[in-house]
């Protein structure tokens, strides 16, 4: 099978179920942004894997990559594809919540916003977080325009951005990097 099909050369693509839409369709924007997020999370996992102290975080990120593929598929459902994709499970979101709670319990309390920087891995984590927020916004727009898109994808992305924020704070702690707080 060839990688290129030429079927998208005029600016259209197929969704799950066969519906053809413009590549500017909000669903394509949403799942494309999730795809970008997966790539950044993979890079973050690669950067963290060089240090054994992040072994659990790397394992979590690899699981998240797979779950994001499910979220991407959910956002790519078109007419006729409604029964072809299994939704992201509530357990996946609950697992993120448990990880968030566990990280938060080990971190010092702060009353100011954090600013990325001080360590490449921390900055990359914040890039993941901001791309995740963009994917969440695009997903919300997609759910407003298309009834067949589940809000579970939005919920998962919302929780994931919180997870990534706390992972950034955890990286700061474990890498012994000074946390930069915003002092207006």
C-alpha atoms as a PDB file:
ATOM      1  CA  UNK A   1       0.000   0.000   0.000  1.00  0.00           C
ATOM      2  CA  UNK A   2       1.370   3.412  -0.960  1.00  0.00           C
ATOM      3  CA  UNK A   3       1.628   6.145   1.656  1.00  0.00           C
ATOM      4  CA  UNK A   4       0.247   8.749  -0.703  1.00  0.00           C
ATOM      5  CA  UNK A   5      -3.209   8.390  -2.218  1.00  0.00           C
ATOM      6  CA  UNK A   6      -3.562  11.780  -3.949  1.00  0.00           C
ATOM      7  CA  UNK A   7      -7.154  11.880  -2.660  1.00  0.00           C
ATOM      8  CA  UNK A   8      -6.316  14.887  -0.462  1.00  0.00           C
ATOM      9  CA  UNK A   9      -4.649  16.960  -3.131  1.00  0.00           C
ATOM     10  CA  UNK A  10      -7.675  19.228  -3.527  1.00  0.00           C
ATOM     11  CA  UNK A  11      -7.950  19.976   0.201  1.00  0.00           C
ATOM     12  CA  UNK A  12     -10.349  17.243   1.289  1.00  0.00           C
ATOM     13  CA  UNK A  13      -9.915  14.221   3.518  1.00  0.00           C
ATOM     14  CA  UNK A  14     -12.004  11.295   4.705  1.00  0.00           C
ATOM     15  CA  UNK A  15     -13.271  10.888   8.225  1.00  0.00           C
ATOM     16  CA  UNK A  16     -13.976   7.543   9.890  1.00  0.00           C
ATOM     17  CA  UNK A  17     -17.098   6.298   8.128  1.00  0.00           C
ATOM     18  CA  UNK A  18     -16.099   7.699   4.756  1.00  0.00           C
ATOM     19  CA  UNK A  19     -17.495  11.244   4.949  1.00  0.00           C
ATOM     20  CA  UNK A  20     -15.344  13.639   2.889  1.00  0.00           C
ATOM     21  CA  UNK A  21     -14.656  17.018   4.474  1.00  0.00           C
ATOM     22  CA  UNK A  22     -12.399  20.004   3.926  1.00  0.00           C
ATOM     23  CA  UNK A  23      -9.039  19.787   5.640  1.00  0.00           C
ATOM     24  CA  UNK A  24     -10.085  23.030   7.353  1.00  0.00           C
ATOM     25  CA  UNK A  25     -13.032  21.270   9.078  1.00  0.00           C
ATOM     26  CA  UNK A  26     -12.873  21.776  12.853  1.00  0.00           C
ATOM     27  CA  UNK A  27     -12.773  18.003  13.382  1.00  0.00           C
ATOM     28  CA  UNK A  28      -9.618  17.787  11.269  1.00  0.00           C
ATOM     29  CA  UNK A  29      -8.167  20.725  13.198  1.00  0.00           C
ATOM     30  CA  UNK A  30      -8.999  19.009  16.497  1.00  0.00           C
ATOM     31  CA  UNK A  31      -7.578  15.585  15.689  1.00  0.00           C
ATOM     32  CA  UNK A  32      -4.595  17.172  13.945  1.00  0.00           C
ATOM     33  CA  UNK A  33      -3.793  19.107  17.096  1.00  0.00           C
ATOM     34  CA  UNK A  34      -4.103  15.919  19.146  1.00  0.00           C
ATOM     35  CA  UNK A  35      -1.675  14.308  16.688  1.00  0.00           C
ATOM     36  CA  UNK A  36       0.768  17.166  17.292  1.00  0.00           C
ATOM     37  CA  UNK A  37       0.325  16.651  21.032  1.00  0.00           C
ATOM     38  CA  UNK A  38       1.128  12.943  20.709  1.00  0.00           C
ATOM     39  CA  UNK A  39       4.397  13.818  18.955  1.00  0.00           C
ATOM     40  CA  UNK A  40       5.400  16.302  21.651  1.00  0.00           C
ATOM     41  CA  UNK A  41       4.494  13.869  24.424  1.00  0.00           C
ATOM     42  CA  UNK A  42       6.625  11.216  22.722  1.00  0.00           C
ATOM     43  CA  UNK A  43       9.534  13.670  22.651  1.00  0.00           C
ATOM     44  CA  UNK A  44       8.992  14.538  26.314  1.00  0.00           C
ATOM     45  CA  UNK A  45       9.013  10.831  27.190  1.00  0.00           C
ATOM     46  CA  UNK A  46      12.221  10.374  25.209  1.00  0.00           C
ATOM     47  CA  UNK A  47      13.879  13.283  27.043  1.00  0.00           C
ATOM     48  CA  UNK A  48      12.735  12.015  30.455  1.00  0.00           C
ATOM     49  CA  UNK A  49      13.808   8.425  29.751  1.00  0.00           C
ATOM     50  CA  UNK A  50      17.477   9.402  30.096  1.00  0.00           C
ATOM     51  CA  UNK A  51      16.979   9.726  33.880  1.00  0.00           C
ATOM     52  CA  UNK A  52      15.767   6.740  35.949  1.00  0.00           C
ATOM     53  CA  UNK A  53      13.999   9.036  38.409  1.00  0.00           C
ATOM     54  CA  UNK A  54      11.359   9.634  35.697  1.00  0.00           C
ATOM     55  CA  UNK A  55      10.738   5.950  34.864  1.00  0.00           C
ATOM     56  CA  UNK A  56       7.133   6.028  36.141  1.00  0.00           C
ATOM     57  CA  UNK A  57       6.415   9.295  34.312  1.00  0.00           C
ATOM     58  CA  UNK A  58       7.732   7.864  31.049  1.00  0.00           C
ATOM     59  CA  UNK A  59       5.484   4.808  31.443  1.00  0.00           C
ATOM     60  CA  UNK A  60       2.517   7.113  32.069  1.00  0.00           C
ATOM     61  CA  UNK A  61       3.340   9.210  29.012  1.00  0.00           C
ATOM     62  CA  UNK A  62       3.496   6.110  26.793  1.00  0.00           C
ATOM     63  CA  UNK A  63       0.026   5.111  28.050  1.00  0.00           C
ATOM     64  CA  UNK A  64      -1.210   8.664  27.402  1.00  0.00           C
ATOM     65  CA  UNK A  65       0.074   8.518  23.805  1.00  0.00           C
ATOM     66  CA  UNK A  66      -2.127   5.479  23.188  1.00  0.00           C
ATOM     67  CA  UNK A  67      -5.130   7.089  24.853  1.00  0.00           C
ATOM     68  CA  UNK A  68      -4.643  10.194  22.729  1.00  0.00           C
ATOM     69  CA  UNK A  69      -4.823   8.017  19.617  1.00  0.00           C
ATOM     70  CA  UNK A  70      -8.297   7.010  20.842  1.00  0.00           C
ATOM     71  CA  UNK A  71      -9.221  10.662  21.439  1.00  0.00           C
ATOM     72  CA  UNK A  72      -7.985  11.489  17.929  1.00  0.00           C
ATOM     73  CA  UNK A  73     -10.122   8.715  16.449  1.00  0.00           C
ATOM     74  CA  UNK A  74     -13.148   9.960  18.402  1.00  0.00           C
ATOM     75  CA  UNK A  75     -12.669  13.400  16.864  1.00  0.00           C
ATOM     76  CA  UNK A  76     -12.324  11.910  13.366  1.00  0.00           C
ATOM     77  CA  UNK A  77     -15.759  10.257  13.355  1.00  0.00           C
ATOM     78  CA  UNK A  78     -17.867  11.303  10.398  1.00  0.00           C
ATOM     79  CA  UNK A  79     -21.254  10.237   9.088  1.00  0.00           C
ATOM     80  CA  UNK A  80     -21.463   6.461   9.161  1.00  0.00           C
ATOM     81  CA  UNK A  81     -18.541   6.103  11.575  1.00  0.00           C
ATOM     82  CA  UNK A  82     -20.418   6.452  14.857  1.00  0.00           C
ATOM     83  CA  UNK A  83     -20.132   2.759  15.797  1.00  0.00           C
ATOM     84  CA  UNK A  84     -16.582   2.237  14.514  1.00  0.00           C
ATOM     85  CA  UNK A  85     -14.610   3.809  17.393  1.00  0.00           C
ATOM     86  CA  UNK A  86     -14.672   2.884  21.049  1.00  0.00           C
ATOM     87  CA  UNK A  87     -14.694   6.015  23.227  1.00  0.00           C
ATOM     88  CA  UNK A  88     -11.950   6.876  25.680  1.00  0.00           C
ATOM     89  CA  UNK A  89     -12.875   5.225  28.957  1.00  0.00           C
ATOM     90  CA  UNK A  90     -13.879   7.074  32.091  1.00  0.00           C
ATOM     91  CA  UNK A  91     -11.204   4.956  33.794  1.00  0.00           C
ATOM     92  CA  UNK A  92      -8.543   6.688  31.684  1.00  0.00           C
ATOM     93  CA  UNK A  93      -9.666  10.092  32.940  1.00  0.00           C
ATOM     94  CA  UNK A  94      -9.926   8.770  36.498  1.00  0.00           C
ATOM     95  CA  UNK A  95      -6.364   7.401  36.244  1.00  0.00           C
ATOM     96  CA  UNK A  96      -5.150  10.870  35.258  1.00  0.00           C
ATOM     97  CA  UNK A  97      -6.979  12.311  38.265  1.00  0.00           C
ATOM     98  CA  UNK A  98      -5.273   9.795  40.551  1.00  0.00           C
ATOM     99  CA  UNK A  99      -1.881  10.674  39.086  1.00  0.00           C
ATOM    100  CA  UNK A 100      -2.648  14.389  39.509  1.00  0.00           C
ATOM    101  CA  UNK A 101      -3.594  13.855  43.154  1.00  0.00           C
ATOM    102  CA  UNK A 102      -0.447  11.792  43.789  1.00  0.00           C
ATOM    103  CA  UNK A 103       1.836  14.422  42.246  1.00  0.00           C
ATOM    104  CA  UNK A 104       0.093  17.280  44.004  1.00  0.00           C
ATOM    105  CA  UNK A 105       0.546  15.562  47.380  1.00  0.00           C
ATOM    106  CA  UNK A 106       4.356  15.630  46.921  1.00  0.00           C
ATOM    107  CA  UNK A 107       4.711  19.221  45.704  1.00  0.00           C
ATOM    108  CA  UNK A 108       5.076  22.365  47.794  1.00  0.00           C
ATOM    109  CA  UNK A 109       2.088  24.693  47.765  1.00  0.00           C
ATOM    110  CA  UNK A 110       2.417  27.814  45.627  1.00  0.00           C
ATOM    111  CA  UNK A 111       0.262  30.922  45.339  1.00  0.00           C
ATOM    112  CA  UNK A 112       1.724  32.288  42.116  1.00  0.00           C
ATOM    113  CA  UNK A 113       1.699  31.174  38.480  1.00  0.00           C
ATOM    114  CA  UNK A 114       4.701  29.178  37.301  1.00  0.00           C
ATOM    115  CA  UNK A 115       6.759  30.210  34.313  1.00  0.00           C
ATOM    116  CA  UNK A 116       8.383  27.566  32.102  1.00  0.00           C
ATOM    117  CA  UNK A 117      12.138  27.448  32.029  1.00  0.00           C
ATOM    118  CA  UNK A 118      15.196  26.272  33.858  1.00  0.00           C
ATOM    119  CA  UNK A 119      15.310  22.814  32.283  1.00  0.00           C
ATOM    120  CA  UNK A 120      14.623  21.672  28.728  1.00  0.00           C
ATOM    121  CA  UNK A 121      12.372  18.843  29.956  1.00  0.00           C
ATOM    122  CA  UNK A 122      10.284  21.253  32.014  1.00  0.00           C
ATOM    123  CA  UNK A 123       9.901  23.646  29.085  1.00  0.00           C
ATOM    124  CA  UNK A 124       8.914  20.758  26.806  1.00  0.00           C
ATOM    125  CA  UNK A 125       6.322  19.679  29.356  1.00  0.00           C
ATOM    126  CA  UNK A 126       4.805  23.172  29.191  1.00  0.00           C
ATOM    127  CA  UNK A 127       4.765  22.992  25.396  1.00  0.00           C
ATOM    128  CA  UNK A 128       2.797  19.746  25.740  1.00  0.00           C
ATOM    129  CA  UNK A 129       0.422  21.453  28.172  1.00  0.00           C
ATOM    130  CA  UNK A 130      -0.254  24.408  25.874  1.00  0.00           C
ATOM    131  CA  UNK A 131      -0.752  22.198  22.797  1.00  0.00           C
ATOM    132  CA  UNK A 132      -3.128  20.100  24.907  1.00  0.00           C
ATOM    133  CA  UNK A 133      -5.137  23.230  25.782  1.00  0.00           C
ATOM    134  CA  UNK A 134      -5.298  24.129  22.077  1.00  0.00           C
ATOM    135  CA  UNK A 135      -6.506  20.607  21.267  1.00  0.00           C
ATOM    136  CA  UNK A 136      -9.121  20.953  23.991  1.00  0.00           C
ATOM    137  CA  UNK A 137     -10.394  24.254  22.551  1.00  0.00           C
ATOM    138  CA  UNK A 138     -10.611  22.786  19.049  1.00  0.00           C
ATOM    139  CA  UNK A 139     -12.399  19.725  20.442  1.00  0.00           C
ATOM    140  CA  UNK A 140     -14.924  21.921  22.219  1.00  0.00           C
ATOM    141  CA  UNK A 141     -15.638  23.769  18.957  1.00  0.00           C
ATOM    142  CA  UNK A 142     -16.025  20.403  17.210  1.00  0.00           C
ATOM    143  CA  UNK A 143     -18.558  19.193  19.794  1.00  0.00           C
ATOM    144  CA  UNK A 144     -20.547  22.399  19.293  1.00  0.00           C
ATOM    145  CA  UNK A 145     -20.694  21.871  15.532  1.00  0.00           C
ATOM    146  CA  UNK A 146     -21.092  18.075  15.377  1.00  0.00           C
ATOM    147  CA  UNK A 147     -23.487  16.067  17.545  1.00  0.00           C
ATOM    148  CA  UNK A 148     -21.649  12.780  17.078  1.00  0.00           C
ATOM    149  CA  UNK A 149     -18.497  13.880  18.930  1.00  0.00           C
ATOM    150  CA  UNK A 150     -18.368  12.758  22.534  1.00  0.00           C
ATOM    151  CA  UNK A 151     -17.594  15.196  25.328  1.00  0.00           C
ATOM    152  CA  UNK A 152     -15.411  12.446  26.843  1.00  0.00           C
ATOM    153  CA  UNK A 153     -12.605  13.601  24.558  1.00  0.00           C
ATOM    154  CA  UNK A 154     -12.881  17.145  25.929  1.00  0.00           C
ATOM    155  CA  UNK A 155     -12.917  15.907  29.524  1.00  0.00           C
ATOM    156  CA  UNK A 156      -9.846  13.747  28.939  1.00  0.00           C
ATOM    157  CA  UNK A 157      -7.917  16.626  27.323  1.00  0.00           C
ATOM    158  CA  UNK A 158      -8.903  18.974  30.143  1.00  0.00           C
ATOM    159  CA  UNK A 159      -7.604  16.556  32.747  1.00  0.00           C
ATOM    160  CA  UNK A 160      -4.483  15.840  30.704  1.00  0.00           C
ATOM    161  CA  UNK A 161      -3.519  19.524  30.652  1.00  0.00           C
ATOM    162  CA  UNK A 162      -3.761  19.563  34.458  1.00  0.00           C
ATOM    163  CA  UNK A 163      -1.641  16.403  34.569  1.00  0.00           C
ATOM    164  CA  UNK A 164       0.985  17.997  32.330  1.00  0.00           C
ATOM    165  CA  UNK A 165       1.106  21.127  34.498  1.00  0.00           C
ATOM    166  CA  UNK A 166       1.758  19.048  37.606  1.00  0.00           C
ATOM    167  CA  UNK A 167       4.226  16.844  35.747  1.00  0.00           C
ATOM    168  CA  UNK A 168       6.139  20.034  34.956  1.00  0.00           C
ATOM    169  CA  UNK A 169       6.204  20.944  38.631  1.00  0.00           C
ATOM    170  CA  UNK A 170       7.276  17.371  39.443  1.00  0.00           C
ATOM    171  CA  UNK A 171      10.107  17.579  36.901  1.00  0.00           C
ATOM    172  CA  UNK A 172      11.243  20.784  38.615  1.00  0.00           C
ATOM    173  CA  UNK A 173      11.331  19.022  41.973  1.00  0.00           C
ATOM    174  CA  UNK A 174      12.958  15.759  40.820  1.00  0.00           C
ATOM    175  CA  UNK A 175      15.506  17.490  38.588  1.00  0.00           C
ATOM    176  CA  UNK A 176      16.370  19.890  41.414  1.00  0.00           C
ATOM    177  CA  UNK A 177      15.607  22.922  39.263  1.00  0.00           C
ATOM    178  CA  UNK A 178      14.485  26.198  40.757  1.00  0.00           C
ATOM    179  CA  UNK A 179      10.792  26.763  40.060  1.00  0.00           C
ATOM    180  CA  UNK A 180      10.250  30.109  38.376  1.00  0.00           C
ATOM    181  CA  UNK A 181       7.200  31.905  39.769  1.00  0.00           C
ATOM    182  CA  UNK A 182       5.537  34.869  38.121  1.00  0.00           C
ATOM    183  CA  UNK A 183       5.979  37.947  40.271  1.00  0.00           C
ATOM    184  CA  UNK A 184       4.074  40.793  38.593  1.00  0.00           C
END
